[in-house]
PDB file of N, CA and C in Angstrom:
ATOM      1  N   MET A   1    -125.321  76.877 181.391  1.00  0.00           N
ATOM      2  CA  MET A   1    -125.126  75.542 181.943  1.00  0.00           C
ATOM      3  C   MET A   1    -124.760  74.591 180.806  1.00  0.00           C
ATOM      4  N   SER A   2    -123.858  73.698 181.073  1.00  0.00           N
ATOM      5  CA  SER A   2    -123.417  72.776 180.023  1.00  0.00           C
ATOM      6  C   SER A   2    -124.385  71.600 179.897  1.00  0.00           C
ATOM      7  N   SER A   3    -124.404  71.036 178.717  1.00  0.00           N
ATOM      8  CA  SER A   3    -125.289  69.900 178.448  1.00  0.00           C
ATOM      9  C   SER A   3    -124.679  68.628 179.034  1.00  0.00           C
ATOM     10  N   PRO A   4    -125.492  67.583 179.190  1.00  0.00           N
ATOM     11  CA  PRO A   4    -124.941  66.307 179.657  1.00  0.00           C
ATOM     12  C   PRO A   4    -123.815  65.800 178.750  1.00  0.00           C
ATOM     13  N   ALA A   5    -123.942  65.990 177.459  1.00  0.00           N
ATOM     14  CA  ALA A   5    -122.891  65.547 176.534  1.00  0.00           C
ATOM     15  C   ALA A   5    -121.593  66.310 176.774  1.00  0.00           C
ATOM     16  N   GLU A   6    -121.691  67.605 177.042  1.00  0.00           N
ATOM     17  CA  GLU A   6    -120.486  68.404 177.315  1.00  0.00           C
ATOM     18  C   GLU A   6    -119.832  67.981 178.630  1.00  0.00           C
ATOM     19  N   ARG A   7    -120.643  67.715 179.626  1.00  0.00           N
ATOM     20  CA  ARG A   7    -120.095  67.259 180.918  1.00  0.00           C
ATOM     21  C   ARG A   7    -119.441  65.887 180.775  1.00  0.00           C
ATOM     22  N   PHE A   8    -120.051  65.019 179.993  1.00  0.00           N
ATOM     23  CA  PHE A   8    -119.465  63.699 179.754  1.00  0.00           C
ATOM     24  C   PHE A   8    -118.136  63.828 179.022  1.00  0.00           C
ATOM     25  N   ARG A   9    -118.082  64.686 178.005  1.00  0.00           N
ATOM     26  CA  ARG A   9    -116.835  64.910 177.259  1.00  0.00           C
ATOM     27  C   ARG A   9    -115.750  65.447 178.184  1.00  0.00           C
ATOM     28  N   THR A  10    -116.131  66.348 179.073  1.00  0.00           N
ATOM     29  CA  THR A  10    -115.168  66.890 180.037  1.00  0.00           C
ATOM     30  C   THR A  10    -114.640  65.776 180.941  1.00  0.00           C
ATOM     31  N   ALA A  11    -115.530  64.900 181.398  1.00  0.00           N
ATOM     32  CA  ALA A  11    -115.105  63.776 182.249  1.00  0.00           C
ATOM     33  C   ALA A  11    -114.135  62.870 181.509  1.00  0.00           C
ATOM     34  N   ILE A  12    -114.419  62.582 180.244  1.00  0.00           N
ATOM     35  CA  ILE A  12    -113.520  61.742 179.439  1.00  0.00           C
ATOM     36  C   ILE A  12    -112.172  62.423 179.269  1.00  0.00           C
ATOM     37  N   ASP A  13    -112.182  63.714 178.977  1.00  0.00           N
ATOM     38  CA  ASP A  13    -110.934  64.472 178.807  1.00  0.00           C
ATOM     39  C   ASP A  13    -110.108  64.450 180.091  1.00  0.00           C
ATOM     40  N   LEU A  14    -110.765  64.622 181.239  1.00  0.00           N
ATOM     41  CA  LEU A  14    -110.047  64.594 182.514  1.00  0.00           C
ATOM     42  C   LEU A  14    -109.466  63.217 182.799  1.00  0.00           C
ATOM     43  N   HIS A  15    -110.219  62.179 182.472  1.00  0.00           N
ATOM     44  CA  HIS A  15    -109.712  60.818 182.653  1.00  0.00           C
ATOM     45  C   HIS A  15    -108.460  60.601 181.798  1.00  0.00           C
ATOM     46  N   GLU A  16    -108.535  60.989 180.529  1.00  0.00           N
ATOM     47  CA  GLU A  16    -107.386  60.813 179.632  1.00  0.00           C
ATOM     48  C   GLU A  16    -106.176  61.599 180.119  1.00  0.00           C
ATOM     49  N   ALA A  17    -106.399  62.812 180.623  1.00  0.00           N
ATOM     50  CA  ALA A  17    -105.291  63.611 181.153  1.00  0.00           C
ATOM     51  C   ALA A  17    -104.678  62.929 182.372  1.00  0.00           C
ATOM     52  N   GLY A  18    -105.512  62.375 183.245  1.00  0.00           N
ATOM     53  CA  GLY A  18    -105.006  61.674 184.422  1.00  0.00           C
ATOM     54  C   GLY A  18    -104.194  60.445 184.060  1.00  0.00           C
ATOM     55  N   VAL A  19    -104.654  59.705 183.061  1.00  0.00           N
ATOM     56  CA  VAL A  19    -103.921  58.526 182.594  1.00  0.00           C
ATOM     57  C   VAL A  19    -102.558  58.940 182.044  1.00  0.00           C
ATOM     58  N   GLN A  20    -102.523  59.976 181.234  1.00  0.00           N
ATOM     59  CA  GLN A  20    -101.251  60.442 180.681  1.00  0.00           C
ATOM     60  C   GLN A  20    -100.314  60.915 181.782  1.00  0.00           C
ATOM     61  N   MET A  21    -100.859  61.627 182.781  1.00  0.00           N
ATOM     62  CA  MET A  21    -100.026  62.101 183.882  1.00  0.00           C
ATOM     63  C   MET A  21     -99.433  60.937 184.668  1.00  0.00           C
ATOM     64  N   MET A  22    -100.228  59.895 184.905  1.00  0.00           N
ATOM     65  CA  MET A  22     -99.713  58.756 185.659  1.00  0.00           C
ATOM     66  C   MET A  22     -98.638  58.032 184.875  1.00  0.00           C
ATOM     67  N   ARG A  23     -98.820  57.881 183.575  1.00  0.00           N
ATOM     68  CA  ARG A  23     -97.781  57.236 182.754  1.00  0.00           C
ATOM     69  C   ARG A  23     -96.470  58.021 182.837  1.00  0.00           C
ATOM     70  N   LEU A  24     -96.553  59.346 182.742  1.00  0.00           N
ATOM     71  CA  LEU A  24     -95.346  60.177 182.856  1.00  0.00           C
ATOM     72  C   LEU A  24     -94.742  60.067 184.255  1.00  0.00           C
ATOM     73  N   ASN A  25     -95.585  60.041 185.270  1.00  0.00           N
ATOM     74  CA  ASN A  25     -95.117  59.898 186.645  1.00  0.00           C
ATOM     75  C   ASN A  25     -94.351  58.588 186.822  1.00  0.00           C
ATOM     76  N   LEU A  26     -94.885  57.489 186.284  1.00  0.00           N
ATOM     77  CA  LEU A  26     -94.210  56.202 186.402  1.00  0.00           C
ATOM     78  C   LEU A  26     -92.873  56.209 185.675  1.00  0.00           C
ATOM     79  N   ARG A  27     -92.808  56.847 184.520  1.00  0.00           N
ATOM     80  CA  ARG A  27     -91.529  56.945 183.791  1.00  0.00           C
ATOM     81  C   ARG A  27     -90.492  57.705 184.605  1.00  0.00           C
ATOM     82  N   ARG A  28     -90.934  58.784 185.279  1.00  0.00           N
ATOM     83  CA  ARG A  28     -90.014  59.563 186.113  1.00  0.00           C
ATOM     84  C   ARG A  28     -89.565  58.760 187.328  1.00  0.00           C
ATOM     85  N   ARG A  29     -90.500  58.055 187.958  1.00  0.00           N
ATOM     86  CA  ARG A  29     -90.186  57.315 189.184  1.00  0.00           C
ATOM     87  C   ARG A  29     -89.330  56.085 188.929  1.00  0.00           C
ATOM     88  N   TYR A  30     -89.459  55.492 187.742  1.00  0.00           N
ATOM     89  CA  TYR A  30     -88.731  54.258 187.418  1.00  0.00           C
ATOM     90  C   TYR A  30     -88.021  54.430 186.065  1.00  0.00           C
ATOM     91  N   PRO A  31     -86.982  55.269 186.024  1.00  0.00           N
ATOM     92  CA  PRO A  31     -86.341  55.574 184.739  1.00  0.00           C
ATOM     93  C   PRO A  31     -85.674  54.367 184.070  1.00  0.00           C
ATOM     94  N   GLY A  32     -85.288  53.356 184.829  1.00  0.00           N
ATOM     95  CA  GLY A  32     -84.634  52.187 184.251  1.00  0.00           C
ATOM     96  C   GLY A  32     -85.596  51.063 183.889  1.00  0.00           C
ATOM     97  N   ALA A  33     -86.878  51.272 184.111  1.00  0.00           N
ATOM     98  CA  ALA A  33     -87.858  50.208 183.870  1.00  0.00           C
ATOM     99  C   ALA A  33     -88.109  50.020 182.379  1.00  0.00           C
ATOM    100  N   THR A  34     -88.393  48.781 182.011  1.00  0.00           N
ATOM    101  CA  THR A  34     -88.740  48.482 180.622  1.00  0.00           C
ATOM    102  C   THR A  34     -90.195  48.905 180.371  1.00  0.00           C
ATOM    103  N   GLU A  35     -90.572  48.932 179.096  1.00  0.00           N
ATOM    104  CA  GLU A  35     -91.957  49.266 178.753  1.00  0.00           C
ATOM    105  C   GLU A  35     -92.926  48.276 179.392  1.00  0.00           C
ATOM    106  N   ALA A  36     -92.555  46.996 179.411  1.00  0.00           N
ATOM    107  CA  ALA A  36     -93.416  45.979 180.013  1.00  0.00           C
ATOM    108  C   ALA A  36     -93.572  46.220 181.514  1.00  0.00           C
ATOM    109  N   GLU A  37     -92.490  46.572 182.201  1.00  0.00           N
ATOM    110  CA  GLU A  37     -92.565  46.842 183.631  1.00  0.00           C
ATOM    111  C   GLU A  37     -93.433  48.079 183.911  1.00  0.00           C
ATOM    112  N   LEU A  38     -93.256  49.105 183.087  1.00  0.00           N
ATOM    113  CA  LEU A  38     -94.068  50.305 183.262  1.00  0.00           C
ATOM    114  C   LEU A  38     -95.542  50.009 183.010  1.00  0.00           C
ATOM    115  N   GLN A  39     -95.824  49.197 182.010  1.00  0.00           N
ATOM    116  CA  GLN A  39     -97.211  48.835 181.719  1.00  0.00           C
ATOM    117  C   GLN A  39     -97.817  48.045 182.875  1.00  0.00           C
ATOM    118  N   GLU A  40     -97.034  47.150 183.454  1.00  0.00           N
ATOM    119  CA  GLU A  40     -97.522  46.368 184.599  1.00  0.00           C
ATOM    120  C   GLU A  40     -97.827  47.274 185.787  1.00  0.00           C
ATOM    121  N   ARG A  41     -96.934  48.211 186.055  1.00  0.00           N
ATOM    122  CA  ARG A  41     -97.163  49.160 187.150  1.00  0.00           C
ATOM    123  C   ARG A  41     -98.390  50.024 186.872  1.00  0.00           C
ATOM    124  N   PHE A  42     -98.535  50.447 185.633  1.00  0.00           N
ATOM    125  CA  PHE A  42     -99.683  51.265 185.258  1.00  0.00           C
ATOM    126  C   PHE A  42    -100.990  50.498 185.464  1.00  0.00           C
ATOM    127  N   MET A  43    -101.029  49.257 184.996  1.00  0.00           N
ATOM    128  CA  MET A  43    -102.252  48.467 185.131  1.00  0.00           C
ATOM    129  C   MET A  43    -102.576  48.190 186.596  1.00  0.00           C
ATOM    130  N   THR A  44    -101.552  47.980 187.416  1.00  0.00           N
ATOM    131  CA  THR A  44    -101.776  47.788 188.849  1.00  0.00           C
ATOM    132  C   THR A  44    -102.382  49.054 189.448  1.00  0.00           C
ATOM    133  N   TRP A  45    -101.882  50.203 189.033  1.00  0.00           N
ATOM    134  CA  TRP A  45    -102.446  51.466 189.503  1.00  0.00           C
ATOM    135  C   TRP A  45    -103.890  51.624 189.016  1.00  0.00           C
ATOM    136  N   LEU A  46    -104.122  51.289 187.764  1.00  0.00           N
ATOM    137  CA  LEU A  46    -105.434  51.512 187.159  1.00  0.00           C
ATOM    138  C   LEU A  46    -106.513  50.602 187.739  1.00  0.00           C
ATOM    139  N   ILE A  47    -106.215  49.314 187.861  1.00  0.00           N
ATOM    140  CA  ILE A  47    -107.243  48.383 188.311  1.00  0.00           C
ATOM    141  C   ILE A  47    -107.017  47.879 189.727  1.00  0.00           C
ATOM    142  N   GLY A  48    -105.891  48.202 190.308  1.00  0.00           N
ATOM    143  CA  GLY A  48    -105.593  47.781 191.673  1.00  0.00           C
ATOM    144  C   GLY A  48    -104.788  46.497 191.685  1.00  0.00           C
ATOM    145  N   PRO A  49    -104.165  46.213 192.814  1.00  0.00           N
ATOM    146  CA  PRO A  49    -103.360  45.001 192.931  1.00  0.00           C
ATOM    147  C   PRO A  49    -104.232  43.751 192.928  1.00  0.00           C
ATOM    148  N   ASP A  50    -103.611  42.623 192.607  1.00  0.00           N
ATOM    149  CA  ASP A  50    -104.333  41.356 192.575  1.00  0.00           C
ATOM    150  C   ASP A  50    -104.750  40.888 193.964  1.00  0.00           C
ATOM    151  N   GLU A  51    -103.905  41.117 194.947  1.00  0.00           N
ATOM    152  CA  GLU A  51    -104.206  40.628 196.290  1.00  0.00           C
ATOM    153  C   GLU A  51    -105.119  41.619 197.014  1.00  0.00           C
ATOM    154  N   ASP A  52    -105.712  41.149 198.089  1.00  0.00           N
ATOM    155  CA  ASP A  52    -106.579  42.023 198.876  1.00  0.00           C
ATOM    156  C   ASP A  52    -105.739  43.104 199.540  1.00  0.00           C
ATOM    157  N   VAL A  53    -106.256  44.298 199.556  1.00  0.00           N
ATOM    158  CA  VAL A  53    -105.581  45.431 200.170  1.00  0.00           C
ATOM    159  C   VAL A  53    -106.432  45.883 201.354  1.00  0.00           C
ATOM    160  N   PRO A  54    -105.838  46.015 202.535  1.00  0.00           N
ATOM    161  CA  PRO A  54    -106.619  46.460 203.686  1.00  0.00           C
ATOM    162  C   PRO A  54    -107.314  47.791 203.396  1.00  0.00           C
ATOM    163  N   GLY A  55    -108.578  47.851 203.724  1.00  0.00           N
ATOM    164  CA  GLY A  55    -109.328  49.086 203.534  1.00  0.00           C
ATOM    165  C   GLY A  55    -109.926  49.266 202.152  1.00  0.00           C
ATOM    166  N   VAL A  56    -109.642  48.342 201.240  1.00  0.00           N
ATOM    167  CA  VAL A  56    -110.176  48.452 199.882  1.00  0.00           C
ATOM    168  C   VAL A  56    -111.203  47.350 199.681  1.00  0.00           C
ATOM    169  N   ARG A  57    -112.376  47.729 199.264  1.00  0.00           N
ATOM    170  CA  ARG A  57    -113.444  46.762 199.009  1.00  0.00           C
ATOM    171  C   ARG A  57    -113.731  46.747 197.511  1.00  0.00           C
ATOM    172  N   ARG A  58    -113.525  45.603 196.893  1.00  0.00           N
ATOM    173  CA  ARG A  58    -113.803  45.475 195.468  1.00  0.00           C
ATOM    174  C   ARG A  58    -115.285  45.225 195.261  1.00  0.00           C
ATOM    175  N   VAL A  59    -115.803  45.818 194.223  1.00  0.00           N
ATOM    176  CA  VAL A  59    -117.212  45.607 193.876  1.00  0.00           C
ATOM    177  C   VAL A  59    -117.279  45.126 192.434  1.00  0.00           C
ATOM    178  N   PRO A  60    -118.264  44.300 192.109  1.00  0.00           N
ATOM    179  CA  PRO A  60    -118.390  43.821 190.732  1.00  0.00           C
ATOM    180  C   PRO A  60    -118.771  44.969 189.791  1.00  0.00           C
ATOM    181  N   TRP A  61    -118.329  44.875 188.563  1.00  0.00           N
ATOM    182  CA  TRP A  61    -118.681  45.882 187.561  1.00  0.00           C
ATOM    183  C   TRP A  61    -119.114  45.193 186.300  1.00  0.00           C
ATOM    184  N   PRO A  62    -120.166  45.548 185.686  1.00  0.00           N
ATOM    185  CA  PRO A  62    -121.058  46.620 186.133  1.00  0.00           C
ATOM    186  C   PRO A  62    -121.895  46.167 187.313  1.00  0.00           C
ATOM    187  N   ARG A  63    -122.288  47.138 188.088  1.00  0.00           N
ATOM    188  CA  ARG A  63    -123.120  46.835 189.262  1.00  0.00           C
ATOM    189  C   ARG A  63    -124.510  46.466 188.777  1.00  0.00           C
ATOM    190  N   SER A  64    -125.116  45.508 189.472  1.00  0.00           N
ATOM    191  CA  SER A  64    -126.469  45.109 189.066  1.00  0.00           C
ATOM    192  C   SER A  64    -127.517  45.852 189.850  1.00  0.00           C
TER     193      SER A  64
END
């Protein structure tokens, strides 16, 4: 069985891989986009859109 530290490291590695995959996906989907446009799209994906989205409930972080 893996230790909590090993499981945490695995979670971090998976997160980093997912971030890299999404960045590559955005580059493929929007080949003419500037770096700034790609970064904006990435951040919208990462933290969600500014406006309310039906079915999405935002919660404060960190939770108290």
